[in-house]
Amino acid sequence: MSDVPTLDARGHRCPVPTLKLRKALAGMEIGALVRLIADDPMAKVDVPHFASQGGHELVEQAEAAGAVSFLIRKGQPFAS
């Protein structure tokens, strides 16, 4: 999965990591993967919630060296 685009949001606080993720997903096709790395403790709550609410899949979440890595698969947006 080395070809998965990675967003490095370390050093940014809420809501910037989630906003970066939202912008990246907007330009991707359904089923595409993106990795977000964040060191804001709120990202552990915000990113899974954003993914769930947006119809995306949180494929993986891991912590290392004071940061959290999220692997997200773009899903089909929910109809409003």
Protein backbone atom coordinates (compact mmCIF):
# COMPACT_ATOMS: atom_id res chain seq x y z
CA MET A 1 0.00 0.00 0.00
CA SER A 2 2.95 2.29 -0.53
CA ASP A 3 1.10 4.03 -3.37
CA VAL A 4 -1.61 5.27 -0.99
CA PRO A 5 -1.52 9.08 -0.76
CA THR A 6 -0.60 10.31 2.72
CA LEU A 7 -1.79 13.52 4.34
CA ASP A 8 0.50 14.70 7.11
CA ALA A 9 -1.53 16.85 9.50
CA ARG A 10 0.91 16.67 12.41
CA GLY A 11 1.19 20.01 14.15
CA HIS A 12 -2.36 21.02 13.18
CA ARG A 13 -5.25 21.12 15.60
CA CYS A 14 -8.92 20.37 15.18
CA PRO A 15 -10.57 20.81 12.73
CA VAL A 16 -7.64 21.05 10.28
CA PRO A 17 -6.83 17.29 10.04
CA THR A 18 -10.44 16.45 9.22
CA LEU A 19 -10.70 19.34 6.75
CA LYS A 20 -7.57 18.12 4.95
CA LEU A 21 -9.09 14.64 4.78
CA ARG A 22 -12.40 15.97 3.47
CA LYS A 23 -10.66 17.95 0.72
CA ALA A 24 -8.57 14.95 -0.34
CA LEU A 25 -11.56 12.59 -0.44
CA ALA A 26 -13.56 15.06 -2.54
CA GLY A 27 -11.09 14.61 -5.38
CA MET A 28 -10.92 10.81 -5.19
CA GLU A 29 -12.93 8.02 -6.75
CA ILE A 30 -15.12 5.74 -4.64
CA GLY A 31 -13.03 2.89 -3.26
CA ALA A 32 -9.78 4.87 -3.26
CA LEU A 33 -7.61 4.85 -0.15
CA VAL A 34 -5.97 7.75 1.66
CA ARG A 35 -3.86 7.81 4.83
CA LEU A 36 -4.05 10.66 7.35
CA ILE A 37 -1.42 11.13 10.05
CA ALA A 38 -2.32 13.46 12.92
CA ASP A 39 -1.00 14.21 16.37
CA ASP A 40 -4.01 16.13 17.69
CA PRO A 41 -5.63 13.94 20.38
CA MET A 42 -9.08 14.97 19.12
CA ALA A 43 -8.36 13.30 15.77
CA LYS A 44 -8.98 9.92 17.46
CA VAL A 45 -12.59 11.04 17.88
CA ASP A 46 -13.07 13.38 14.92
CA VAL A 47 -11.69 11.27 12.07
CA PRO A 48 -13.65 8.05 12.77
CA HIS A 49 -16.80 10.15 13.29
CA PHE A 50 -16.22 12.05 10.04
CA ALA A 51 -15.63 8.79 8.15
CA SER A 52 -18.76 7.18 9.54
CA GLN A 53 -20.96 10.20 8.91
CA GLY A 54 -19.61 10.59 5.37
CA GLY A 55 -20.16 6.99 4.30
CA HIS A 56 -16.43 6.20 4.26
CA GLU A 57 -14.69 3.17 5.76
CA LEU A 58 -12.06 3.42 8.48
CA VAL A 59 -9.87 0.55 7.31
CA GLU A 60 -7.10 0.93 9.87
CA GLN A 61 -6.19 3.09 12.86
CA ALA A 62 -2.79 2.81 14.53
CA GLU A 63 -0.74 4.86 16.97
CA ALA A 64 3.02 5.31 16.88
CA ALA A 65 5.50 7.97 17.96
CA GLY A 66 2.84 10.28 19.35
CA ALA A 67 0.73 10.31 16.19
CA VAL A 68 -2.29 8.42 14.91
CA SER A 69 -2.44 6.99 11.40
CA PHE A 70 -5.84 6.49 9.77
CA LEU A 71 -6.38 4.57 6.55
CA ILE A 72 -9.68 5.62 4.98
CA ARG A 73 -11.49 4.12 1.97
CA LYS A 74 -13.74 6.58 0.17
CA GLY A 75 -17.30 5.39 0.23
CA GLN A 76 -20.51 6.33 -1.47
CA PRO A 77 -21.88 9.53 0.03
CA PHE A 78 -25.25 9.18 1.73
CA ALA A 79 -28.22 10.66 -0.11
CA SER A 80 -29.60 13.73 1.61
